[in-house]
Amino acid sequence: MTSLKNKTIFISGGSRGIGLEIAKRAARDGANIAIAAKTAEPHPTLPGTIYTAADEIVEAGGKALPLLCDIRFEEQVEDAVQKTIEEFSGIDICINNASAISLTPTLITSMKRFDLMQQINTRGTFLVSKTCVPFLEKSDNPHILNLSPPLNMKSKWFKSHCAYTIAKYGMSMCVLGMSEEFKEKGIAVNALWPRTAIATAAVQNLLGGDEMIKHSRKPEIVADAAYEILIKDSKTFTGQFCIDDEILEQAGMSDLSEYSVEPGADLVPDFFLD
C-alpha cells in the first residue's frame, strides 16, 4: 500500500503534539481521523483541543471526527469506537498515542500519579486496542501502532522514574504479546519511539523549557516515520520496535537535518535508547 487515502484511523490523545502531527500526515493522503482525547476546552499551558485538531486535519486534506473520550473508562472507549464506525463505516488503523508522564523517583511518586500512568499508558493502550480489533479484522491492511519504547531492561532506565518506565513498558509489552496473538488475523502491531527529544509542549514544560527545544527534533519526524510504518504490509511487518530515524533511513532518507528545530545544534537523546 502506498497511500492512506480513505483509510480510517482511530487515535488516542491526538489533540496536540506528536499525535496531531501523525494525524495531519495521514490527512494529507485523504485519511479519515477519529481523535479520541480529553481536551475539549483550552488548557492554560498546553495548546489544542479535539476541535482545533479536527480543524487542522480538515485543512490538511482529511476528514475528522473529534471525540471527547477518557481512555481510562471502558464505556467511553466503546462509545468513541462505535461513533467512529457510524461515521466512517470501519477502522483500519489504531494508534495508541495517549500517555501520562511523571519523571519522579519512587519515594515522591504518589499512588494517584502511579495509578494515572498505569491507567492511561498500559491499561488504556490495552483497552483501545482490544476494542478496535473486531473492526480491524475487517480491514485489508490493519495496523496497531503504539508510541512506546523498545524493551530495554537495563536498570538505569528504571532507577530515576521506576513508575513511568513500568507504565511505558506496559505499552511495549502489548506490542510484544498482541503482535503474535493477532498475527493470524493479519493485524500488524508495532511500536514507534523517537531517537531524540521531540519539540512538544510536554517536553518544553517538563524537561527543560526553550533550551531543551533547541536541541530537539520537530514532531514531524515521528509523524513521517509513523506514516512509513502504516503503509507497510500488515502481514509481513509486525512485532517491530521501530526508531523514527531508522525507519526514515530505511525509506531512503539520508539527510534528516530538516527535522532539527535549530540546524546544527547537538540533539538530546530520548529515554530508553542506549
C-alpha atoms as a PDB file:
ATOM      1  CA  MET A   1       0.000   0.000   0.000  1.00  0.00           C
ATOM      2  CA  THR A   2       1.348   3.413  -0.916  1.00  0.00           C
ATOM      3  CA  SER A   3      -1.356   5.706   0.439  1.00  0.00           C
ATOM      4  CA  LEU A   4      -3.707   6.140   3.388  1.00  0.00           C
ATOM      5  CA  LYS A   5      -6.439   7.637   1.211  1.00  0.00           C
ATOM      6  CA  ASN A   6      -9.889   6.783   2.625  1.00  0.00           C
ATOM      7  CA  LYS A   7      -8.324   4.770   5.459  1.00  0.00           C
ATOM      8  CA  THR A   8      -9.851   5.347   8.896  1.00  0.00           C
ATOM      9  CA  ILE A   9      -7.532   5.969  11.830  1.00  0.00           C
ATOM     10  CA  PHE A  10      -8.600   5.896  15.478  1.00  0.00           C
ATOM     11  CA  ILE A  11      -6.016   7.768  17.556  1.00  0.00           C
ATOM     12  CA  SER A  12      -5.953   8.345  21.300  1.00  0.00           C
ATOM     13  CA  GLY A  13      -4.675  11.651  22.608  1.00  0.00           C
ATOM     14  CA  GLY A  14      -4.379  13.291  19.203  1.00  0.00           C
ATOM     15  CA  SER A  15      -5.281  16.856  20.101  1.00  0.00           C
ATOM     16  CA  ARG A  16      -1.679  18.139  20.106  1.00  0.00           C
ATOM     17  CA  GLY A  17       1.974  17.241  19.714  1.00  0.00           C
ATOM     18  CA  ILE A  18       3.125  14.036  18.068  1.00  0.00           C
ATOM     19  CA  GLY A  19      -0.369  12.562  17.853  1.00  0.00           C
ATOM     20  CA  LEU A  20      -1.704  15.550  15.952  1.00  0.00           C
ATOM     21  CA  GLU A  21       1.268  15.546  13.564  1.00  0.00           C
ATOM     22  CA  ILE A  22       0.692  11.863  12.795  1.00  0.00           C
ATOM     23  CA  ALA A  23      -2.972  12.612  12.116  1.00  0.00           C
ATOM     24  CA  LYS A  24      -2.129  15.543   9.836  1.00  0.00           C
ATOM     25  CA  ARG A  25       0.400  13.472   7.880  1.00  0.00           C
ATOM     26  CA  ALA A  26      -2.255  10.841   7.225  1.00  0.00           C
ATOM     27  CA  ALA A  27      -4.770  13.566   6.376  1.00  0.00           C
ATOM     28  CA  ARG A  28      -2.540  14.732   3.516  1.00  0.00           C
ATOM     29  CA  ASP A  29      -3.428  11.449   1.811  1.00  0.00           C
ATOM     30  CA  GLY A  30      -7.137  11.989   2.451  1.00  0.00           C
ATOM     31  CA  ALA A  31      -7.497   9.732   5.506  1.00  0.00           C
ATOM     32  CA  ASN A  32     -10.371   9.777   7.979  1.00  0.00           C
ATOM     33  CA  ILE A  33      -9.210  10.566  11.518  1.00  0.00           C
ATOM     34  CA  ALA A  34     -11.124   9.943  14.753  1.00  0.00           C
ATOM     35  CA  ILE A  35      -9.465  11.877  17.579  1.00  0.00           C
ATOM     36  CA  ALA A  36     -10.277  10.355  20.972  1.00  0.00           C
ATOM     37  CA  ALA A  37      -8.945  12.708  23.641  1.00  0.00           C
ATOM     38  CA  LYS A  38      -9.938  14.513  26.833  1.00  0.00           C
ATOM     39  CA  THR A  39      -9.248  18.117  25.883  1.00  0.00           C
ATOM     40  CA  ALA A  40     -12.454  19.871  24.862  1.00  0.00           C
ATOM     41  CA  GLU A  41     -11.616  23.221  26.486  1.00  0.00           C
ATOM     42  CA  PRO A  42      -8.320  25.095  26.052  1.00  0.00           C
ATOM     43  CA  HIS A  43      -5.664  24.162  28.622  1.00  0.00           C
ATOM     44  CA  PRO A  44      -3.818  27.035  30.348  1.00  0.00           C
ATOM     45  CA  THR A  45      -0.346  25.746  29.384  1.00  0.00           C
ATOM     46  CA  LEU A  46      -0.935  23.182  26.622  1.00  0.00           C
ATOM     47  CA  PRO A  47      -2.149  24.116  23.136  1.00  0.00           C
ATOM     48  CA  GLY A  48      -5.021  22.497  21.249  1.00  0.00           C
ATOM     49  CA  THR A  49      -8.346  20.776  21.771  1.00  0.00           C
ATOM     50  CA  ILE A  50     -10.047  17.950  19.898  1.00  0.00           C
ATOM     51  CA  TYR A  51     -11.898  20.617  17.925  1.00  0.00           C
ATOM     52  CA  THR A  52      -8.854  22.678  16.896  1.00  0.00           C
ATOM     53  CA  ALA A  53      -7.117  19.424  15.990  1.00  0.00           C
ATOM     54  CA  ALA A  54     -10.078  18.446  13.804  1.00  0.00           C
ATOM     55  CA  ASP A  55      -9.857  21.798  12.031  1.00  0.00           C
ATOM     56  CA  GLU A  56      -6.145  21.251  11.304  1.00  0.00           C
ATOM     57  CA  ILE A  57      -6.820  17.748   9.994  1.00  0.00           C
ATOM     58  CA  VAL A  58      -9.510  19.009   7.626  1.00  0.00           C
ATOM     59  CA  GLU A  59      -7.223  21.813   6.476  1.00  0.00           C
ATOM     60  CA  ALA A  60      -4.517  19.198   5.740  1.00  0.00           C
ATOM     61  CA  GLY A  61      -6.908  17.304   3.464  1.00  0.00           C
ATOM     62  CA  GLY A  62      -8.555  14.679   5.636  1.00  0.00           C
ATOM     63  CA  LYS A  63     -11.864  14.115   7.361  1.00  0.00           C
ATOM     64  CA  ALA A  64     -12.035  14.462  11.134  1.00  0.00           C
ATOM     65  CA  LEU A  65     -14.247  13.232  13.945  1.00  0.00           C
ATOM     66  CA  PRO A  66     -13.471  14.852  17.318  1.00  0.00           C
ATOM     67  CA  LEU A  67     -14.462  12.530  20.169  1.00  0.00           C
ATOM     68  CA  LEU A  68     -14.412  13.539  23.814  1.00  0.00           C
ATOM     69  CA  CYS A  69     -13.026  10.392  25.417  1.00  0.00           C
ATOM     70  CA  ASP A  70     -11.098   9.480  28.557  1.00  0.00           C
ATOM     71  CA  ILE A  71      -9.471   6.148  27.731  1.00  0.00           C
ATOM     72  CA  ARG A  72      -9.447   5.159  31.401  1.00  0.00           C
ATOM     73  CA  PHE A  73     -13.152   4.377  31.084  1.00  0.00           C
ATOM     74  CA  GLU A  74     -14.303   1.353  29.105  1.00  0.00           C
ATOM     75  CA  GLU A  75     -17.728   2.729  28.235  1.00  0.00           C
ATOM     76  CA  GLN A  76     -16.226   5.933  26.826  1.00  0.00           C
ATOM     77  CA  VAL A  77     -13.814   3.997  24.617  1.00  0.00           C
ATOM     78  CA  GLU A  78     -16.580   1.700  23.382  1.00  0.00           C
ATOM     79  CA  ASP A  79     -18.778   4.706  22.619  1.00  0.00           C
ATOM     80  CA  ALA A  80     -15.975   6.502  20.764  1.00  0.00           C
ATOM     81  CA  VAL A  81     -15.205   3.431  18.664  1.00  0.00           C
ATOM     82  CA  GLN A  82     -18.896   2.951  17.863  1.00  0.00           C
ATOM     83  CA  LYS A  83     -19.230   6.589  16.766  1.00  0.00           C
ATOM     84  CA  THR A  84     -16.190   6.100  14.511  1.00  0.00           C
ATOM     85  CA  ILE A  85     -17.845   3.087  12.895  1.00  0.00           C
ATOM     86  CA  GLU A  86     -21.072   5.023  12.397  1.00  0.00           C
ATOM     87  CA  GLU A  87     -19.221   7.943  10.820  1.00  0.00           C
ATOM     88  CA  PHE A  88     -16.662   6.134   8.661  1.00  0.00           C
ATOM     89  CA  SER A  89     -18.004   2.536   8.414  1.00  0.00           C
ATOM     90  CA  GLY A  90     -14.860   0.888   9.736  1.00  0.00           C
ATOM     91  CA  ILE A  91     -11.425   1.215  11.351  1.00  0.00           C
ATOM     92  CA  ASP A  92      -8.185   0.407   9.525  1.00  0.00           C
ATOM     93  CA  ILE A  93      -5.598   1.754  11.962  1.00  0.00           C
ATOM     94  CA  CYS A  94      -5.455   2.142  15.752  1.00  0.00           C
ATOM     95  CA  ILE A  95      -2.798   4.473  17.153  1.00  0.00           C
ATOM     96  CA  ASN A  96      -2.147   4.387  20.897  1.00  0.00           C
ATOM     97  CA  ASN A  97      -0.628   7.796  21.423  1.00  0.00           C
ATOM     98  CA  ALA A  98      -2.214   8.938  24.726  1.00  0.00           C
ATOM     99  CA  SER A  99       0.264   8.869  27.583  1.00  0.00           C
ATOM    100  CA  ALA A 100       0.813  10.230  31.087  1.00  0.00           C
ATOM    101  CA  ILE A 101       4.289  11.089  32.343  1.00  0.00           C
ATOM    102  CA  SER A 102       5.812  11.760  35.749  1.00  0.00           C
ATOM    103  CA  LEU A 103       9.592  11.525  35.901  1.00  0.00           C
ATOM    104  CA  THR A 104       9.725  11.089  39.666  1.00  0.00           C
ATOM    105  CA  PRO A 105      11.669   8.663  41.864  1.00  0.00           C
ATOM    106  CA  THR A 106       9.829   6.112  43.939  1.00  0.00           C
ATOM    107  CA  LEU A 107       9.587   7.954  47.252  1.00  0.00           C
ATOM    108  CA  ILE A 108       7.972  11.060  45.795  1.00  0.00           C
ATOM    109  CA  THR A 109       5.683   9.328  43.295  1.00  0.00           C
ATOM    110  CA  SER A 110       2.171   9.489  44.699  1.00  0.00           C
ATOM    111  CA  MET A 111       0.000   6.433  44.194  1.00  0.00           C
ATOM    112  CA  LYS A 112      -2.532   8.684  42.471  1.00  0.00           C
ATOM    113  CA  ARG A 113       0.094   9.546  39.851  1.00  0.00           C
ATOM    114  CA  PHE A 114       1.247   5.913  39.649  1.00  0.00           C
ATOM    115  CA  ASP A 115      -2.319   4.790  39.009  1.00  0.00           C
ATOM    116  CA  LEU A 116      -2.889   7.515  36.397  1.00  0.00           C
ATOM    117  CA  MET A 117       0.144   6.408  34.378  1.00  0.00           C
ATOM    118  CA  GLN A 118      -0.897   2.761  34.569  1.00  0.00           C
ATOM    119  CA  GLN A 119      -4.494   3.565  33.656  1.00  0.00           C
ATOM    120  CA  ILE A 120      -3.634   5.686  30.624  1.00  0.00           C
ATOM    121  CA  ASN A 121      -0.429   4.133  29.324  1.00  0.00           C
ATOM    122  CA  THR A 122      -0.768   0.406  29.910  1.00  0.00           C
ATOM    123  CA  ARG A 123      -4.468  -0.165  30.588  1.00  0.00           C
ATOM    124  CA  GLY A 124      -5.611   2.480  28.095  1.00  0.00           C
ATOM    125  CA  THR A 125      -3.482   1.006  25.321  1.00  0.00           C
ATOM    126  CA  PHE A 126      -4.785  -2.477  26.079  1.00  0.00           C
ATOM    127  CA  LEU A 127      -8.400  -1.271  26.183  1.00  0.00           C
ATOM    128  CA  VAL A 128      -8.298   0.824  22.998  1.00  0.00           C
ATOM    129  CA  SER A 129      -6.554  -1.963  21.077  1.00  0.00           C
ATOM    130  CA  LYS A 130      -8.958  -4.610  22.374  1.00  0.00           C
ATOM    131  CA  THR A 131     -11.979  -2.509  21.403  1.00  0.00           C
ATOM    132  CA  CYS A 132     -10.680  -1.783  17.902  1.00  0.00           C
ATOM    133  CA  VAL A 133      -9.576  -5.314  16.980  1.00  0.00           C
ATOM    134  CA  PRO A 134     -13.011  -6.649  15.895  1.00  0.00           C
ATOM    135  CA  PHE A 135     -13.177  -3.838  13.339  1.00  0.00           C
ATOM    136  CA  LEU A 136      -9.510  -4.002  12.344  1.00  0.00           C
ATOM    137  CA  GLU A 137     -10.087  -7.630  11.380  1.00  0.00           C
ATOM    138  CA  LYS A 138     -12.297  -6.422   8.535  1.00  0.00           C
ATOM    139  CA  SER A 139      -9.629  -4.115   7.056  1.00  0.00           C
ATOM    140  CA  ASP A 140      -7.406  -5.152   4.180  1.00  0.00           C
ATOM    141  CA  ASN A 141      -4.267  -3.727   5.864  1.00  0.00           C
ATOM    142  CA  PRO A 142      -4.920  -3.317   9.596  1.00  0.00           C
ATOM    143  CA  HIS A 143      -2.350  -1.767  11.923  1.00  0.00           C
ATOM    144  CA  ILE A 144      -1.994  -1.033  15.619  1.00  0.00           C
ATOM    145  CA  LEU A 145       0.821   1.398  16.386  1.00  0.00           C
ATOM    146  CA  ASN A 146       1.881   2.207  19.960  1.00  0.00           C
ATOM    147  CA  LEU A 147       4.013   5.238  20.763  1.00  0.00           C
ATOM    148  CA  SER A 148       6.235   3.325  23.147  1.00  0.00           C
ATOM    149  CA  PRO A 149       9.916   2.393  23.512  1.00  0.00           C
ATOM    150  CA  PRO A 150      11.901  -0.769  22.879  1.00  0.00           C
ATOM    151  CA  LEU A 151      12.031  -3.032  25.940  1.00  0.00           C
ATOM    152  CA  ASN A 152      15.435  -2.210  27.398  1.00  0.00           C
ATOM    153  CA  MET A 153      15.928  -3.984  30.714  1.00  0.00           C
ATOM    154  CA  LYS A 154      18.948  -2.020  31.907  1.00  0.00           C
ATOM    155  CA  SER A 155      18.456  -0.747  35.441  1.00  0.00           C
ATOM    156  CA  LYS A 156      19.399   2.832  34.529  1.00  0.00           C
ATOM    157  CA  TRP A 157      16.061   3.201  32.727  1.00  0.00           C
ATOM    158  CA  PHE A 158      14.205   2.293  35.920  1.00  0.00           C
ATOM    159  CA  LYS A 159      16.196   3.876  38.740  1.00  0.00           C
ATOM    160  CA  SER A 160      15.142   7.515  38.316  1.00  0.00           C
ATOM    161  CA  HIS A 161      11.492   7.087  37.300  1.00  0.00           C
ATOM    162  CA  CYS A 162      10.526   3.492  38.000  1.00  0.00           C
ATOM    163  CA  ALA A 163       6.751   4.077  37.866  1.00  0.00           C
ATOM    164  CA  TYR A 164       6.868   5.847  34.495  1.00  0.00           C
ATOM    165  CA  THR A 165       9.105   3.177  32.975  1.00  0.00           C
ATOM    166  CA  ILE A 166       6.782   0.415  34.138  1.00  0.00           C
ATOM    167  CA  ALA A 167       3.814   2.210  32.546  1.00  0.00           C
ATOM    168  CA  LYS A 168       5.549   2.859  29.203  1.00  0.00           C
ATOM    169  CA  TYR A 169       6.945  -0.659  29.055  1.00  0.00           C
ATOM    170  CA  GLY A 170       3.399  -1.896  29.603  1.00  0.00           C
ATOM    171  CA  MET A 171       2.529  -0.343  26.241  1.00  0.00           C
ATOM    172  CA  SER A 172       5.537  -2.053  24.687  1.00  0.00           C
ATOM    173  CA  MET A 173       4.607  -5.409  26.179  1.00  0.00           C
ATOM    174  CA  CYS A 174       1.226  -5.019  24.474  1.00  0.00           C
ATOM    175  CA  VAL A 175       3.185  -4.905  21.207  1.00  0.00           C
ATOM    176  CA  LEU A 176       5.174  -7.978  22.154  1.00  0.00           C
ATOM    177  CA  GLY A 177       2.086 -10.004  23.019  1.00  0.00           C
ATOM    178  CA  MET A 178      -0.540  -8.709  20.599  1.00  0.00           C
ATOM    179  CA  SER A 179       1.709  -8.866  17.548  1.00  0.00           C
ATOM    180  CA  GLU A 180       1.959 -12.611  17.995  1.00  0.00           C
ATOM    181  CA  GLU A 181      -1.639 -13.022  19.158  1.00  0.00           C
ATOM    182  CA  PHE A 182      -3.140 -11.251  16.138  1.00  0.00           C
ATOM    183  CA  LYS A 183      -0.625 -12.394  13.508  1.00  0.00           C
ATOM    184  CA  GLU A 184      -3.040 -14.957  12.067  1.00  0.00           C
ATOM    185  CA  LYS A 185      -5.664 -12.233  11.707  1.00  0.00           C
ATOM    186  CA  GLY A 186      -3.206 -10.180   9.635  1.00  0.00           C
ATOM    187  CA  ILE A 187      -3.200  -7.301  12.138  1.00  0.00           C
ATOM    188  CA  ALA A 188       0.205  -5.658  12.473  1.00  0.00           C
ATOM    189  CA  VAL A 189       1.145  -4.445  15.962  1.00  0.00           C
ATOM    190  CA  ASN A 190       4.263  -2.291  16.179  1.00  0.00           C
ATOM    191  CA  ALA A 191       5.894   0.336  18.394  1.00  0.00           C
ATOM    192  CA  LEU A 192       7.498   3.643  17.423  1.00  0.00           C
ATOM    193  CA  TRP A 193       9.843   5.747  19.527  1.00  0.00           C
ATOM    194  CA  PRO A 194      11.983   8.836  18.808  1.00  0.00           C
ATOM    195  CA  ARG A 195      15.775   8.785  18.791  1.00  0.00           C
ATOM    196  CA  THR A 196      15.933  12.300  20.242  1.00  0.00           C
ATOM    197  CA  ALA A 197      13.859  14.673  22.317  1.00  0.00           C
ATOM    198  CA  ILE A 198      10.892  15.988  20.312  1.00  0.00           C
ATOM    199  CA  ALA A 199       9.775  19.621  20.410  1.00  0.00           C
ATOM    200  CA  THR A 200       6.368  19.316  22.063  1.00  0.00           C
ATOM    201  CA  ALA A 201       4.665  21.284  24.802  1.00  0.00           C
ATOM    202  CA  ALA A 202       5.200  18.362  27.185  1.00  0.00           C
ATOM    203  CA  VAL A 203       8.961  18.404  26.610  1.00  0.00           C
ATOM    204  CA  GLN A 204       9.077  22.167  26.998  1.00  0.00           C
ATOM    205  CA  ASN A 205       7.054  22.147  30.219  1.00  0.00           C
ATOM    206  CA  LEU A 206       8.556  19.070  31.880  1.00  0.00           C
ATOM    207  CA  LEU A 207      12.085  18.611  30.594  1.00  0.00           C
ATOM    208  CA  GLY A 208      13.879  21.903  30.238  1.00  0.00           C
ATOM    209  CA  GLY A 209      11.990  24.705  28.561  1.00  0.00           C
ATOM    210  CA  ASP A 210      13.176  26.574  25.479  1.00  0.00           C
ATOM    211  CA  GLU A 211      16.764  25.365  25.825  1.00  0.00           C
ATOM    212  CA  MET A 212      15.668  21.749  25.517  1.00  0.00           C
ATOM    213  CA  ILE A 213      13.531  22.608  22.490  1.00  0.00           C
ATOM    214  CA  LYS A 214      16.604  23.978  20.684  1.00  0.00           C
ATOM    215  CA  HIS A 215      18.242  20.569  20.984  1.00  0.00           C
ATOM    216  CA  SER A 216      15.196  18.620  19.841  1.00  0.00           C
ATOM    217  CA  ARG A 217      13.727  17.459  16.566  1.00  0.00           C
ATOM    218  CA  LYS A 218      10.347  18.519  15.237  1.00  0.00           C
ATOM    219  CA  PRO A 219       7.384  16.177  15.793  1.00  0.00           C
ATOM    220  CA  GLU A 220       7.108  15.796  12.021  1.00  0.00           C
ATOM    221  CA  ILE A 221       9.944  13.241  12.133  1.00  0.00           C
ATOM    222  CA  VAL A 222       7.811  10.883  14.220  1.00  0.00           C
ATOM    223  CA  ALA A 223       4.789  11.560  12.002  1.00  0.00           C
ATOM    224  CA  ASP A 224       6.706  10.750   8.826  1.00  0.00           C
ATOM    225  CA  ALA A 225       8.108   7.581  10.402  1.00  0.00           C
ATOM    226  CA  ALA A 226       4.626   6.523  11.544  1.00  0.00           C
ATOM    227  CA  TYR A 227       3.364   7.034   8.005  1.00  0.00           C
ATOM    228  CA  GLU A 228       6.080   4.750   6.608  1.00  0.00           C
ATOM    229  CA  ILE A 229       5.066   2.033   9.079  1.00  0.00           C
ATOM    230  CA  LEU A 230       1.342   2.351   8.410  1.00  0.00           C
ATOM    231  CA  ILE A 231       1.673   1.915   4.646  1.00  0.00           C
ATOM    232  CA  LYS A 232       3.623  -1.338   5.066  1.00  0.00           C
ATOM    233  CA  ASP A 233       2.005  -4.738   4.539  1.00  0.00           C
ATOM    234  CA  SER A 234       0.452  -5.646   7.879  1.00  0.00           C
ATOM    235  CA  LYS A 235       1.011  -9.348   7.231  1.00  0.00           C
ATOM    236  CA  THR A 236       4.766  -9.036   6.916  1.00  0.00           C
ATOM    237  CA  PHE A 237       5.724  -6.086   9.142  1.00  0.00           C
ATOM    238  CA  THR A 238       4.676  -6.729  12.723  1.00  0.00           C
ATOM    239  CA  GLY A 239       6.171  -7.090  16.199  1.00  0.00           C
ATOM    240  CA  GLN A 240       8.771  -4.391  15.475  1.00  0.00           C
ATOM    241  CA  PHE A 241      10.125  -1.806  17.906  1.00  0.00           C
ATOM    242  CA  CYS A 242      10.902   1.000  15.481  1.00  0.00           C
ATOM    243  CA  ILE A 243      13.022   4.119  15.956  1.00  0.00           C
ATOM    244  CA  ASP A 244      11.959   7.167  13.952  1.00  0.00           C
ATOM    245  CA  ASP A 245      15.224   7.979  12.158  1.00  0.00           C
ATOM    246  CA  GLU A 246      15.945   4.323  11.367  1.00  0.00           C
ATOM    247  CA  ILE A 247      12.559   3.950   9.683  1.00  0.00           C
ATOM    248  CA  LEU A 248      13.147   7.057   7.564  1.00  0.00           C
ATOM    249  CA  GLU A 249      16.652   5.958   6.610  1.00  0.00           C
ATOM    250  CA  GLN A 250      15.263   2.593   5.531  1.00  0.00           C
ATOM    251  CA  ALA A 251      12.736   4.514   3.417  1.00  0.00           C
ATOM    252  CA  GLY A 252      15.597   6.244   1.597  1.00  0.00           C
ATOM    253  CA  MET A 253      16.084   9.481   3.566  1.00  0.00           C
ATOM    254  CA  SER A 254      19.779  10.124   4.187  1.00  0.00           C
ATOM    255  CA  ASP A 255      19.585  13.757   5.325  1.00  0.00           C
ATOM    256  CA  LEU A 256      17.401  14.329   8.388  1.00  0.00           C
ATOM    257  CA  SER A 257      18.660  17.825   9.166  1.00  0.00           C
ATOM    258  CA  GLU A 258      15.333  19.383   8.151  1.00  0.00           C
ATOM    259  CA  TYR A 259      13.784  17.909  11.292  1.00  0.00           C
ATOM    260  CA  SER A 260      16.105  19.758  13.693  1.00  0.00           C
ATOM    261  CA  VAL A 261      14.496  22.692  15.478  1.00  0.00           C
ATOM    262  CA  GLU A 262      17.802  24.549  15.417  1.00  0.00           C
ATOM    263  CA  PRO A 263      20.002  23.443  12.496  1.00  0.00           C
ATOM    264  CA  GLY A 264      23.402  22.243  13.640  1.00  0.00           C
ATOM    265  CA  ALA A 265      22.538  22.035  17.328  1.00  0.00           C
ATOM    266  CA  ASP A 266      23.513  18.899  19.224  1.00  0.00           C
ATOM    267  CA  LEU A 267      20.483  16.644  19.683  1.00  0.00           C
ATOM    268  CA  VAL A 268      19.453  15.410  23.116  1.00  0.00           C
ATOM    269  CA  PRO A 269      18.753  11.653  23.097  1.00  0.00           C
ATOM    270  CA  ASP A 270      15.377  10.420  24.304  1.00  0.00           C
ATOM    271  CA  PHE A 271      14.890   7.930  27.130  1.00  0.00           C
ATOM    272  CA  PHE A 272      15.255   4.153  26.826  1.00  0.00           C
ATOM    273  CA  LEU A 273      17.798   4.125  23.975  1.00  0.00           C
ATOM    274  CA  ASP A 274      21.463   3.322  24.585  1.00  0.00           C
END
